[in-house]
Amino acid sequence: MPTPTSVKLDRTRGVLVIPWDDGHESEYPLAGLREACPCVECRGGHDNMAAPADPGVFDVIPLAPAKSYAIARILPVGRYAVQPEWDDGHHTGIYTWPYLRALCPCAKCRAERAAAGR
């Protein structure tokens, strides 16, 4: 499983940029990351937390946000994840490296998932 070489929050563009050690680079729109929050509150209970990543969250038609799509800060969680704190105070989602890689919204990753039937 690839691991990030860095994690960069680009507030101007509203994206989280992760270059991976296999040469791939992912750019995650912050609205999609918030919609994909893996915490128990956002997933609707513990039974839903093991659900696979859904990159379709990046296809959402932008509406007036009911929650914040801006990150106040982002913290490392050990050597396996990051934990964003959103401007509205939400901070319980832990985004692991495999979860983030599975969420990658780039055309290449979308095509690979489509070919694999995911």
PDB file of N, CA and C in Angstrom:
ATOM      1  N   MET A   1       0.846  -1.179   0.000  1.00  0.00           N
ATOM      2  CA  MET A   1       0.000   0.000   0.000  1.00  0.00           C
ATOM      3  C   MET A   1       0.890   1.241   0.000  1.00  0.00           C
ATOM      4  N   PRO A   2       0.668   2.134  -0.933  1.00  0.00           N
ATOM      5  CA  PRO A   2       1.455   3.366  -0.966  1.00  0.00           C
ATOM      6  C   PRO A   2       1.212   4.230   0.275  1.00  0.00           C
ATOM      7  N   THR A   3       2.207   5.016   0.623  1.00  0.00           N
ATOM      8  CA  THR A   3       2.077   5.961   1.731  1.00  0.00           C
ATOM      9  C   THR A   3       2.411   7.361   1.235  1.00  0.00           C
ATOM     10  N   PRO A   4       1.848   8.374   1.887  1.00  0.00           N
ATOM     11  CA  PRO A   4       2.117   9.749   1.469  1.00  0.00           C
ATOM     12  C   PRO A   4       3.566  10.153   1.734  1.00  0.00           C
ATOM     13  N   THR A   5       4.071  11.003   0.855  1.00  0.00           N
ATOM     14  CA  THR A   5       5.385  11.610   1.108  1.00  0.00           C
ATOM     15  C   THR A   5       5.189  12.947   1.816  1.00  0.00           C
ATOM     16  N   SER A   6       3.981  13.512   1.709  1.00  0.00           N
ATOM     17  CA  SER A   6       3.607  14.727   2.442  1.00  0.00           C
ATOM     18  C   SER A   6       2.094  14.880   2.365  1.00  0.00           C
ATOM     19  N   VAL A   7       1.577  15.790   3.153  1.00  0.00           N
ATOM     20  CA  VAL A   7       0.156  16.136   3.125  1.00  0.00           C
ATOM     21  C   VAL A   7       0.104  17.659   3.138  1.00  0.00           C
ATOM     22  N   LYS A   8      -0.497  18.233   2.097  1.00  0.00           N
ATOM     23  CA  LYS A   8      -0.523  19.694   1.968  1.00  0.00           C
ATOM     24  C   LYS A   8      -1.961  20.185   1.867  1.00  0.00           C
ATOM     25  N   LEU A   9      -2.308  21.118   2.715  1.00  0.00           N
ATOM     26  CA  LEU A   9      -3.620  21.743   2.668  1.00  0.00           C
ATOM     27  C   LEU A   9      -3.499  23.028   1.853  1.00  0.00           C
ATOM     28  N   ASP A  10      -4.154  23.070   0.702  1.00  0.00           N
ATOM     29  CA  ASP A  10      -4.152  24.264  -0.149  1.00  0.00           C
ATOM     30  C   ASP A  10      -5.472  24.987   0.080  1.00  0.00           C
ATOM     31  N   ARG A  11      -5.469  25.913   1.009  1.00  0.00           N
ATOM     32  CA  ARG A  11      -6.693  26.641   1.376  1.00  0.00           C
ATOM     33  C   ARG A  11      -7.204  27.500   0.225  1.00  0.00           C
ATOM     34  N   THR A  12      -6.306  28.044  -0.579  1.00  0.00           N
ATOM     35  CA  THR A  12      -6.707  28.901  -1.695  1.00  0.00           C
ATOM     36  C   THR A  12      -7.549  28.132  -2.699  1.00  0.00           C
ATOM     37  N   ARG A  13      -7.131  26.934  -3.037  1.00  0.00           N
ATOM     38  CA  ARG A  13      -7.858  26.115  -4.009  1.00  0.00           C
ATOM     39  C   ARG A  13      -8.912  25.234  -3.363  1.00  0.00           C
ATOM     40  N   GLY A  14      -8.888  25.113  -2.023  1.00  0.00           N
ATOM     41  CA  GLY A  14      -9.864  24.272  -1.323  1.00  0.00           C
ATOM     42  C   GLY A  14      -9.638  22.797  -1.556  1.00  0.00           C
ATOM     43  N   VAL A  15      -8.367  22.368  -1.551  1.00  0.00           N
ATOM     44  CA  VAL A  15      -8.044  20.962  -1.767  1.00  0.00           C
ATOM     45  C   VAL A  15      -6.973  20.497  -0.781  1.00  0.00           C
ATOM     46  N   LEU A  16      -6.981  19.198  -0.520  1.00  0.00           N
ATOM     47  CA  LEU A  16      -5.919  18.541   0.218  1.00  0.00           C
ATOM     48  C   LEU A  16      -5.098  17.790  -0.823  1.00  0.00           C
ATOM     49  N   VAL A  17      -3.803  18.044  -0.859  1.00  0.00           N
ATOM     50  CA  VAL A  17      -2.923  17.440  -1.861  1.00  0.00           C
ATOM     51  C   VAL A  17      -2.026  16.416  -1.174  1.00  0.00           C
ATOM     52  N   ILE A  18      -2.037  15.190  -1.714  1.00  0.00           N
ATOM     53  CA  ILE A  18      -1.197  14.128  -1.164  1.00  0.00           C
ATOM     54  C   ILE A  18      -0.386  13.493  -2.287  1.00  0.00           C
ATOM     55  N   PRO A  19       0.930  13.734  -2.307  1.00  0.00           N
ATOM     56  CA  PRO A  19       1.792  12.962  -3.200  1.00  0.00           C
ATOM     57  C   PRO A  19       2.138  11.637  -2.498  1.00  0.00           C
ATOM     58  N   TRP A  20       2.050  10.543  -3.250  1.00  0.00           N
ATOM     59  CA  TRP A  20       2.280   9.210  -2.698  1.00  0.00           C
ATOM     60  C   TRP A  20       3.665   8.714  -3.093  1.00  0.00           C
ATOM     61  N   ASP A  21       4.190   7.768  -2.313  1.00  0.00           N
ATOM     62  CA  ASP A  21       5.545   7.276  -2.583  1.00  0.00           C
ATOM     63  C   ASP A  21       5.650   6.410  -3.836  1.00  0.00           C
ATOM     64  N   ASP A  22       4.516   6.116  -4.495  1.00  0.00           N
ATOM     65  CA  ASP A  22       4.572   5.389  -5.765  1.00  0.00           C
ATOM     66  C   ASP A  22       4.529   6.347  -6.964  1.00  0.00           C
ATOM     67  N   GLY A  23       4.632   7.669  -6.697  1.00  0.00           N
ATOM     68  CA  GLY A  23       4.649   8.656  -7.764  1.00  0.00           C
ATOM     69  C   GLY A  23       3.293   9.269  -8.084  1.00  0.00           C
ATOM     70  N   HIS A  24       2.221   8.702  -7.574  1.00  0.00           N
ATOM     71  CA  HIS A  24       0.885   9.234  -7.821  1.00  0.00           C
ATOM     72  C   HIS A  24       0.652  10.455  -6.931  1.00  0.00           C
ATOM     73  N   GLU A  25      -0.171  11.406  -7.392  1.00  0.00           N
ATOM     74  CA  GLU A  25      -0.555  12.544  -6.566  1.00  0.00           C
ATOM     75  C   GLU A  25      -2.074  12.669  -6.577  1.00  0.00           C
ATOM     76  N   SER A  26      -2.650  12.789  -5.399  1.00  0.00           N
ATOM     77  CA  SER A  26      -4.096  12.919  -5.254  1.00  0.00           C
ATOM     78  C   SER A  26      -4.430  14.325  -4.787  1.00  0.00           C
ATOM     79  N   GLU A  27      -5.515  14.878  -5.349  1.00  0.00           N
ATOM     80  CA  GLU A  27      -6.042  16.162  -4.898  1.00  0.00           C
ATOM     81  C   GLU A  27      -7.496  15.953  -4.520  1.00  0.00           C
ATOM     82  N   TYR A  28      -7.796  16.187  -3.249  1.00  0.00           N
ATOM     83  CA  TYR A  28      -9.128  15.948  -2.717  1.00  0.00           C
ATOM     84  C   TYR A  28      -9.833  17.277  -2.455  1.00  0.00           C
ATOM     85  N   PRO A  29     -10.925  17.591  -3.167  1.00  0.00           N
ATOM     86  CA  PRO A  29     -11.706  18.774  -2.816  1.00  0.00           C
ATOM     87  C   PRO A  29     -12.217  18.631  -1.378  1.00  0.00           C
ATOM     88  N   LEU A  30     -12.114  19.710  -0.606  1.00  0.00           N
ATOM     89  CA  LEU A  30     -12.471  19.632   0.809  1.00  0.00           C
ATOM     90  C   LEU A  30     -13.929  19.257   1.038  1.00  0.00           C
ATOM     91  N   ALA A  31     -14.834  19.709   0.175  1.00  0.00           N
ATOM     92  CA  ALA A  31     -16.246  19.343   0.334  1.00  0.00           C
ATOM     93  C   ALA A  31     -16.427  17.831   0.232  1.00  0.00           C
ATOM     94  N   GLY A  32     -15.732  17.199  -0.703  1.00  0.00           N
ATOM     95  CA  GLY A  32     -15.816  15.747  -0.846  1.00  0.00           C
ATOM     96  C   GLY A  32     -15.242  15.022   0.353  1.00  0.00           C
ATOM     97  N   LEU A  33     -14.125  15.534   0.879  1.00  0.00           N
ATOM     98  CA  LEU A  33     -13.540  14.912   2.070  1.00  0.00           C
ATOM     99  C   LEU A  33     -14.496  14.979   3.252  1.00  0.00           C
ATOM    100  N   ARG A  34     -15.155  16.120   3.420  1.00  0.00           N
ATOM    101  CA  ARG A  34     -16.093  16.248   4.537  1.00  0.00           C
ATOM    102  C   ARG A  34     -17.265  15.293   4.347  1.00  0.00           C
ATOM    103  N   GLU A  35     -17.776  15.183   3.132  1.00  0.00           N
ATOM    104  CA  GLU A  35     -18.891  14.271   2.873  1.00  0.00           C
ATOM    105  C   GLU A  35     -18.476  12.809   3.063  1.00  0.00           C
ATOM    106  N   ALA A  36     -17.195  12.521   2.914  1.00  0.00           N
ATOM    107  CA  ALA A  36     -16.696  11.151   3.077  1.00  0.00           C
ATOM    108  C   ALA A  36     -16.160  10.897   4.482  1.00  0.00           C
ATOM    109  N   CYS A  37     -16.459  11.785   5.424  1.00  0.00           N
ATOM    110  CA  CYS A  37     -15.928  11.639   6.784  1.00  0.00           C
ATOM    111  C   CYS A  37     -16.233  10.229   7.313  1.00  0.00           C
ATOM    112  N   PRO A  38     -15.192   9.530   7.769  1.00  0.00           N
ATOM    113  CA  PRO A  38     -15.393   8.138   8.204  1.00  0.00           C
ATOM    114  C   PRO A  38     -15.807   7.974   9.671  1.00  0.00           C
ATOM    115  N   CYS A  39     -16.130   9.067  10.369  1.00  0.00           N
ATOM    116  CA  CYS A  39     -16.444   8.922  11.794  1.00  0.00           C
ATOM    117  C   CYS A  39     -17.823   8.307  12.002  1.00  0.00           C
ATOM    118  N   VAL A  40     -18.070   7.824  13.203  1.00  0.00           N
ATOM    119  CA  VAL A  40     -19.331   7.156  13.524  1.00  0.00           C
ATOM    120  C   VAL A  40     -20.520   8.109  13.398  1.00  0.00           C
ATOM    121  N   GLU A  41     -20.342   9.361  13.766  1.00  0.00           N
ATOM    122  CA  GLU A  41     -21.439  10.335  13.678  1.00  0.00           C
ATOM    123  C   GLU A  41     -21.855  10.551  12.222  1.00  0.00           C
ATOM    124  N   CYS A  42     -20.887  10.731  11.335  1.00  0.00           N
ATOM    125  CA  CYS A  42     -21.187  10.993   9.924  1.00  0.00           C
ATOM    126  C   CYS A  42     -21.647   9.740   9.185  1.00  0.00           C
ATOM    127  N   ARG A  43     -21.166   8.583   9.606  1.00  0.00           N
ATOM    128  CA  ARG A  43     -21.533   7.324   8.953  1.00  0.00           C
ATOM    129  C   ARG A  43     -22.867   6.780   9.431  1.00  0.00           C
ATOM    130  N   GLY A  44     -23.382   7.314  10.532  1.00  0.00           N
ATOM    131  CA  GLY A  44     -24.682   6.862  11.007  1.00  0.00           C
ATOM    132  C   GLY A  44     -24.625   5.637  11.887  1.00  0.00           C
ATOM    133  N   GLY A  45     -23.565   5.444  12.620  1.00  0.00           N
ATOM    134  CA  GLY A  45     -23.466   4.334  13.559  1.00  0.00           C
ATOM    135  C   GLY A  45     -22.288   3.430  13.282  1.00  0.00           C
ATOM    136  N   HIS A  46     -21.903   2.671  14.291  1.00  0.00           N
ATOM    137  CA  HIS A  46     -20.736   1.792  14.197  1.00  0.00           C
ATOM    138  C   HIS A  46     -20.858   0.753  13.091  1.00  0.00           C
ATOM    139  N   ASP A  47     -22.070   0.265  12.828  1.00  0.00           N
ATOM    140  CA  ASP A  47     -22.251  -0.764  11.802  1.00  0.00           C
ATOM    141  C   ASP A  47     -21.849  -0.266  10.414  1.00  0.00           C
ATOM    142  N   ASN A  48     -21.904   1.041  10.188  1.00  0.00           N
ATOM    143  CA  ASN A  48     -21.605   1.600   8.866  1.00  0.00           C
ATOM    144  C   ASN A  48     -20.162   2.079   8.713  1.00  0.00           C
ATOM    145  N   MET A  49     -19.380   2.025   9.767  1.00  0.00           N
ATOM    146  CA  MET A  49     -18.022   2.570   9.698  1.00  0.00           C
ATOM    147  C   MET A  49     -17.095   1.746   8.820  1.00  0.00           C
ATOM    148  N   ALA A  50     -17.365   0.488   8.627  1.00  0.00           N
ATOM    149  CA  ALA A  50     -16.495  -0.358   7.814  1.00  0.00           C
ATOM    150  C   ALA A  50     -16.841  -0.299   6.337  1.00  0.00           C
ATOM    151  N   ALA A  51     -17.793   0.537   5.967  1.00  0.00           N
ATOM    152  CA  ALA A  51     -18.184   0.655   4.558  1.00  0.00           C
ATOM    153  C   ALA A  51     -16.990   1.131   3.735  1.00  0.00           C
ATOM    154  N   PRO A  52     -16.863   0.634   2.514  1.00  0.00           N
ATOM    155  CA  PRO A  52     -15.740   1.059   1.682  1.00  0.00           C
ATOM    156  C   PRO A  52     -15.835   2.533   1.317  1.00  0.00           C
ATOM    157  N   ALA A  53     -14.705   3.095   0.942  1.00  0.00           N
ATOM    158  CA  ALA A  53     -14.656   4.490   0.507  1.00  0.00           C
ATOM    159  C   ALA A  53     -15.562   4.682  -0.699  1.00  0.00           C
ATOM    160  N   ASP A  54     -16.256   5.803  -0.745  1.00  0.00           N
ATOM    161  CA  ASP A  54     -17.150   6.109  -1.863  1.00  0.00           C
ATOM    162  C   ASP A  54     -16.657   7.357  -2.580  1.00  0.00           C
ATOM    163  N   PRO A  55     -15.854   7.199  -3.644  1.00  0.00           N
ATOM    164  CA  PRO A  55     -15.353   8.356  -4.367  1.00  0.00           C
ATOM    165  C   PRO A  55     -16.450   9.142  -5.067  1.00  0.00           C
ATOM    166  N   GLY A  56     -17.667   8.628  -5.104  1.00  0.00           N
ATOM    167  CA  GLY A  56     -18.780   9.349  -5.693  1.00  0.00           C
ATOM    168  C   GLY A  56     -19.115  10.632  -4.946  1.00  0.00           C
ATOM    169  N   VAL A  57     -18.576  10.790  -3.730  1.00  0.00           N
ATOM    170  CA  VAL A  57     -18.844  12.018  -2.979  1.00  0.00           C
ATOM    171  C   VAL A  57     -18.301  13.241  -3.703  1.00  0.00           C
ATOM    172  N   PHE A  58     -17.359  13.057  -4.604  1.00  0.00           N
ATOM    173  CA  PHE A  58     -16.793  14.189  -5.324  1.00  0.00           C
ATOM    174  C   PHE A  58     -17.663  14.594  -6.506  1.00  0.00           C
ATOM    175  N   ASP A  59     -18.750  13.850  -6.762  1.00  0.00           N
ATOM    176  CA  ASP A  59     -19.679  14.169  -7.846  1.00  0.00           C
ATOM    177  C   ASP A  59     -20.891  14.956  -7.354  1.00  0.00           C
ATOM    178  N   VAL A  60     -20.892  15.330  -6.097  1.00  0.00           N
ATOM    179  CA  VAL A  60     -22.028  16.015  -5.496  1.00  0.00           C
ATOM    180  C   VAL A  60     -22.200  17.398  -6.127  1.00  0.00           C
ATOM    181  N   ILE A  61     -23.449  17.744  -6.432  1.00  0.00           N
ATOM    182  CA  ILE A  61     -23.745  19.087  -6.939  1.00  0.00           C
ATOM    183  C   ILE A  61     -23.613  20.045  -5.762  1.00  0.00           C
ATOM    184  N   PRO A  62     -22.795  21.088  -5.891  1.00  0.00           N
ATOM    185  CA  PRO A  62     -22.593  21.981  -4.749  1.00  0.00           C
ATOM    186  C   PRO A  62     -23.883  22.724  -4.369  1.00  0.00           C
ATOM    187  N   LEU A  63     -24.251  22.627  -3.120  1.00  0.00           N
ATOM    188  CA  LEU A  63     -25.402  23.328  -2.566  1.00  0.00           C
ATOM    189  C   LEU A  63     -24.902  24.186  -1.406  1.00  0.00           C
ATOM    190  N   ALA A  64     -25.760  25.007  -0.884  1.00  0.00           N
ATOM    191  CA  ALA A  64     -25.378  25.801   0.282  1.00  0.00           C
ATOM    192  C   ALA A  64     -24.978  24.844   1.402  1.00  0.00           C
ATOM    193  N   PRO A  65     -23.781  24.936   1.923  1.00  0.00           N
ATOM    194  CA  PRO A  65     -23.332  23.975   2.929  1.00  0.00           C
ATOM    195  C   PRO A  65     -24.065  24.113   4.253  1.00  0.00           C
ATOM    196  N   ALA A  66     -24.479  22.975   4.790  1.00  0.00           N
ATOM    197  CA  ALA A  66     -25.076  22.929   6.118  1.00  0.00           C
ATOM    198  C   ALA A  66     -23.983  22.687   7.153  1.00  0.00           C
ATOM    199  N   LYS A  67     -22.815  22.324   6.675  1.00  0.00           N
ATOM    200  CA  LYS A  67     -21.663  22.100   7.537  1.00  0.00           C
ATOM    201  C   LYS A  67     -20.453  22.742   6.877  1.00  0.00           C
ATOM    202  N   SER A  68     -19.401  22.864   7.634  1.00  0.00           N
ATOM    203  CA  SER A  68     -18.220  23.533   7.113  1.00  0.00           C
ATOM    204  C   SER A  68     -17.447  22.629   6.160  1.00  0.00           C
ATOM    205  N   TYR A  69     -17.006  23.221   5.077  1.00  0.00           N
ATOM    206  CA  TYR A  69     -16.120  22.518   4.143  1.00  0.00           C
ATOM    207  C   TYR A  69     -14.736  23.153   4.153  1.00  0.00           C
ATOM    208  N   ALA A  70     -14.418  23.851   5.235  1.00  0.00           N
ATOM    209  CA  ALA A  70     -13.092  24.454   5.399  1.00  0.00           C
ATOM    210  C   ALA A  70     -12.406  23.779   6.582  1.00  0.00           C
ATOM    211  N   ILE A  71     -11.129  23.508   6.436  1.00  0.00           N
ATOM    212  CA  ILE A  71     -10.366  22.853   7.495  1.00  0.00           C
ATOM    213  C   ILE A  71      -9.642  23.917   8.322  1.00  0.00           C
ATOM    214  N   ALA A  72      -9.854  23.887   9.632  1.00  0.00           N
ATOM    215  CA  ALA A  72      -9.162  24.794  10.539  1.00  0.00           C
ATOM    216  C   ALA A  72      -7.714  24.333  10.724  1.00  0.00           C
ATOM    217  N   ARG A  73      -7.544  23.022  10.883  1.00  0.00           N
ATOM    218  CA  ARG A  73      -6.203  22.429  11.007  1.00  0.00           C
ATOM    219  C   ARG A  73      -6.310  20.949  10.727  1.00  0.00           C
ATOM    220  N   ILE A  74      -5.173  20.361  10.429  1.00  0.00           N
ATOM    221  CA  ILE A  74      -5.139  18.924  10.150  1.00  0.00           C
ATOM    222  C   ILE A  74      -3.966  18.341  10.932  1.00  0.00           C
ATOM    223  N   LEU A  75      -4.242  17.254  11.639  1.00  0.00           N
ATOM    224  CA  LEU A  75      -3.245  16.659  12.522  1.00  0.00           C
ATOM    225  C   LEU A  75      -2.876  15.253  12.066  1.00  0.00           C
ATOM    226  N   PRO A  76      -1.614  14.874  12.257  1.00  0.00           N
ATOM    227  CA  PRO A  76      -1.240  13.483  11.973  1.00  0.00           C
ATOM    228  C   PRO A  76      -1.778  12.566  13.063  1.00  0.00           C
ATOM    229  N   VAL A  77      -2.115  11.342  12.678  1.00  0.00           N
ATOM    230  CA  VAL A  77      -2.512  10.309  13.630  1.00  0.00           C
ATOM    231  C   VAL A  77      -1.502   9.182  13.442  1.00  0.00           C
ATOM    232  N   GLY A  78      -0.560   9.115  14.351  1.00  0.00           N
ATOM    233  CA  GLY A  78       0.518   8.134  14.207  1.00  0.00           C
ATOM    234  C   GLY A  78       1.180   8.282  12.856  1.00  0.00           C
ATOM    235  N   ARG A  79       1.470   7.135  12.239  1.00  0.00           N
ATOM    236  CA  ARG A  79       2.054   7.136  10.899  1.00  0.00           C
ATOM    237  C   ARG A  79       1.088   6.530   9.889  1.00  0.00           C
ATOM    238  N   TYR A  80      -0.218   6.538  10.240  1.00  0.00           N
ATOM    239  CA  TYR A  80      -1.171   5.837   9.388  1.00  0.00           C
ATOM    240  C   TYR A  80      -2.365   6.667   8.930  1.00  0.00           C
ATOM    241  N   ALA A  81      -2.491   7.915   9.398  1.00  0.00           N
ATOM    242  CA  ALA A  81      -3.707   8.670   9.083  1.00  0.00           C
ATOM    243  C   ALA A  81      -3.537  10.158   9.376  1.00  0.00           C
ATOM    244  N   VAL A  82      -4.572  10.921   8.980  1.00  0.00           N
ATOM    245  CA  VAL A  82      -4.690  12.326   9.361  1.00  0.00           C
ATOM    246  C   VAL A  82      -6.091  12.559   9.923  1.00  0.00           C
ATOM    247  N   GLN A  83      -6.200  13.596  10.751  1.00  0.00           N
ATOM    248  CA  GLN A  83      -7.473  13.927  11.383  1.00  0.00           C
ATOM    249  C   GLN A  83      -7.716  15.428  11.203  1.00  0.00           C
ATOM    250  N   PRO A  84      -8.600  15.788  10.248  1.00  0.00           N
ATOM    251  CA  PRO A  84      -8.902  17.206  10.070  1.00  0.00           C
ATOM    252  C   PRO A  84      -9.843  17.721  11.148  1.00  0.00           C
ATOM    253  N   GLU A  85      -9.640  18.974  11.501  1.00  0.00           N
ATOM    254  CA  GLU A  85     -10.617  19.674  12.327  1.00  0.00           C
ATOM    255  C   GLU A  85     -11.245  20.720  11.415  1.00  0.00           C
ATOM    256  N   TRP A  86     -12.546  20.578  11.193  1.00  0.00           N
ATOM    257  CA  TRP A  86     -13.274  21.468  10.304  1.00  0.00           C
ATOM    258  C   TRP A  86     -13.627  22.747  11.044  1.00  0.00           C
ATOM    259  N   ASP A  87     -13.847  23.828  10.299  1.00  0.00           N
ATOM    260  CA  ASP A  87     -14.144  25.131  10.896  1.00  0.00           C
ATOM    261  C   ASP A  87     -15.357  25.123  11.815  1.00  0.00           C
ATOM    262  N   ASP A  88     -16.268  24.174  11.630  1.00  0.00           N
ATOM    263  CA  ASP A  88     -17.449  24.114  12.502  1.00  0.00           C
ATOM    264  C   ASP A  88     -17.189  23.293  13.768  1.00  0.00           C
ATOM    265  N   GLY A  89     -15.928  22.863  13.970  1.00  0.00           N
ATOM    266  CA  GLY A  89     -15.555  22.137  15.179  1.00  0.00           C
ATOM    267  C   GLY A  89     -15.558  20.630  15.039  1.00  0.00           C
ATOM    268  N   HIS A  90     -16.136  20.097  13.970  1.00  0.00           N
ATOM    269  CA  HIS A  90     -16.145  18.638  13.784  1.00  0.00           C
ATOM    270  C   HIS A  90     -14.698  18.159  13.617  1.00  0.00           C
ATOM    271  N   HIS A  91     -14.308  17.116  14.373  1.00  0.00           N
ATOM    272  CA  HIS A  91     -12.916  16.680  14.352  1.00  0.00           C
ATOM    273  C   HIS A  91     -12.727  15.187  14.634  1.00  0.00           C
ATOM    274  N   THR A  92     -13.773  14.395  14.547  1.00  0.00           N
ATOM    275  CA  THR A  92     -13.654  12.997  14.957  1.00  0.00           C
ATOM    276  C   THR A  92     -13.338  12.034  13.824  1.00  0.00           C
ATOM    277  N   GLY A  93     -13.276  12.509  12.587  1.00  0.00           N
ATOM    278  CA  GLY A  93     -12.970  11.622  11.470  1.00  0.00           C
ATOM    279  C   GLY A  93     -11.478  11.377  11.331  1.00  0.00           C
ATOM    280  N   ILE A  94     -11.091  10.116  11.304  1.00  0.00           N
ATOM    281  CA  ILE A  94      -9.695   9.739  11.089  1.00  0.00           C
ATOM    282  C   ILE A  94      -9.604   9.096   9.710  1.00  0.00           C
ATOM    283  N   TYR A  95      -8.865   9.740   8.818  1.00  0.00           N
ATOM    284  CA  TYR A  95      -8.737   9.316   7.427  1.00  0.00           C
ATOM    285  C   TYR A  95      -7.420   8.551   7.277  1.00  0.00           C
ATOM    286  N   THR A  96      -7.510   7.227   7.190  1.00  0.00           N
ATOM    287  CA  THR A  96      -6.301   6.412   7.055  1.00  0.00           C
ATOM    288  C   THR A  96      -5.745   6.524   5.636  1.00  0.00           C
ATOM    289  N   TRP A  97      -4.485   6.159   5.473  1.00  0.00           N
ATOM    290  CA  TRP A  97      -3.873   6.203   4.132  1.00  0.00           C
ATOM    291  C   TRP A  97      -4.630   5.314   3.152  1.00  0.00           C
ATOM    292  N   PRO A  98      -4.990   4.063   3.497  1.00  0.00           N
ATOM    293  CA  PRO A  98      -5.748   3.251   2.529  1.00  0.00           C
ATOM    294  C   PRO A  98      -7.106   3.861   2.183  1.00  0.00           C
ATOM    295  N   TYR A  99      -7.786   4.462   3.162  1.00  0.00           N
ATOM    296  CA  TYR A  99      -9.077   5.088   2.908  1.00  0.00           C
ATOM    297  C   TYR A  99      -8.911   6.270   1.952  1.00  0.00           C
ATOM    298  N   LEU A 100      -7.918   7.115   2.203  1.00  0.00           N
ATOM    299  CA  LEU A 100      -7.682   8.258   1.319  1.00  0.00           C
ATOM    300  C   LEU A 100      -7.307   7.813  -0.084  1.00  0.00           C
ATOM    301  N   ARG A 101      -6.470   6.805  -0.191  1.00  0.00           N
ATOM    302  CA  ARG A 101      -6.079   6.347  -1.536  1.00  0.00           C
ATOM    303  C   ARG A 101      -7.293   5.802  -2.279  1.00  0.00           C
ATOM    304  N   ALA A 102      -8.164   5.095  -1.580  1.00  0.00           N
ATOM    305  CA  ALA A 102      -9.373   4.557  -2.213  1.00  0.00           C
ATOM    306  C   ALA A 102     -10.340   5.663  -2.617  1.00  0.00           C
ATOM    307  N   LEU A 103     -10.247   6.819  -1.989  1.00  0.00           N
ATOM    308  CA  LEU A 103     -11.102   7.961  -2.318  1.00  0.00           C
ATOM    309  C   LEU A 103     -10.573   8.799  -3.475  1.00  0.00           C
ATOM    310  N   CYS A 104      -9.360   8.578  -3.906  1.00  0.00           N
ATOM    311  CA  CYS A 104      -8.737   9.464  -4.896  1.00  0.00           C
ATOM    312  C   CYS A 104      -9.698   9.741  -6.053  1.00  0.00           C
ATOM    313  N   PRO A 105     -10.000  11.040  -6.286  1.00  0.00           N
ATOM    314  CA  PRO A 105     -10.972  11.385  -7.318  1.00  0.00           C
ATOM    315  C   PRO A 105     -10.394  11.610  -8.717  1.00  0.00           C
ATOM    316  N   CYS A 106      -9.118  11.334  -8.928  1.00  0.00           N
ATOM    317  CA  CYS A 106      -8.528  11.609 -10.247  1.00  0.00           C
ATOM    318  C   CYS A 106      -9.089  10.648 -11.309  1.00  0.00           C
ATOM    319  N   ALA A 107      -8.980  11.063 -12.553  1.00  0.00           N
ATOM    320  CA  ALA A 107      -9.525  10.280 -13.673  1.00  0.00           C
ATOM    321  C   ALA A 107      -8.908   8.889 -13.744  1.00  0.00           C
ATOM    322  N   LYS A 108      -7.617   8.786 -13.503  1.00  0.00           N
ATOM    323  CA  LYS A 108      -6.939   7.484 -13.575  1.00  0.00           C
ATOM    324  C   LYS A 108      -7.493   6.525 -12.516  1.00  0.00           C
ATOM    325  N   CYS A 109      -7.618   6.993 -11.286  1.00  0.00           N
ATOM    326  CA  CYS A 109      -8.135   6.130 -10.217  1.00  0.00           C
ATOM    327  C   CYS A 109      -9.600   5.774 -10.445  1.00  0.00           C
ATOM    328  N   ARG A 110     -10.379   6.730 -10.947  1.00  0.00           N
ATOM    329  CA  ARG A 110     -11.795   6.438 -11.258  1.00  0.00           C
ATOM    330  C   ARG A 110     -11.887   5.344 -12.331  1.00  0.00           C
ATOM    331  N   ALA A 111     -11.044   5.450 -13.354  1.00  0.00           N
ATOM    332  CA  ALA A 111     -11.062   4.442 -14.433  1.00  0.00           C
ATOM    333  C   ALA A 111     -10.652   3.068 -13.896  1.00  0.00           C
ATOM    334  N   GLU A 112      -9.646   3.033 -13.021  1.00  0.00           N
ATOM    335  CA  GLU A 112      -9.207   1.759 -12.431  1.00  0.00           C
ATOM    336  C   GLU A 112     -10.319   1.140 -11.595  1.00  0.00           C
ATOM    337  N   ARG A 113     -11.012   1.964 -10.811  1.00  0.00           N
ATOM    338  CA  ARG A 113     -12.118   1.442  -9.995  1.00  0.00           C
ATOM    339  C   ARG A 113     -13.257   0.937 -10.875  1.00  0.00           C
ATOM    340  N   ALA A 114     -13.549   1.663 -11.942  1.00  0.00           N
ATOM    341  CA  ALA A 114     -14.622   1.248 -12.867  1.00  0.00           C
ATOM    342  C   ALA A 114     -14.270  -0.081 -13.516  1.00  0.00           C
ATOM    343  N   ALA A 115     -13.015  -0.229 -13.922  1.00  0.00           N
ATOM    344  CA  ALA A 115     -12.585  -1.469 -14.563  1.00  0.00           C
ATOM    345  C   ALA A 115     -12.642  -2.648 -13.587  1.00  0.00           C
ATOM    346  N   ALA A 116     -12.422  -2.349 -12.296  1.00  0.00           N
ATOM    347  CA  ALA A 116     -12.471  -3.393 -11.270  1.00  0.00           C
ATOM    348  C   ALA A 116     -13.882  -3.605 -10.749  1.00  0.00           C
ATOM    349  N   GLY A 117     -14.839  -2.813 -11.230  1.00  0.00           N
ATOM    350  CA  GLY A 117     -16.228  -2.966 -10.798  1.00  0.00           C
ATOM    351  C   GLY A 117     -16.511  -2.371  -9.441  1.00  0.00           C
ATOM    352  N   ARG A 118     -15.693  -1.367  -9.018  1.00  0.00           N
ATOM    353  CA  ARG A 118     -15.921  -0.724  -7.711  1.00  0.00           C
ATOM    354  C   ARG A 118     -16.386   0.692  -7.903  1.00  0.00           C
TER     355      ARG A 118
END
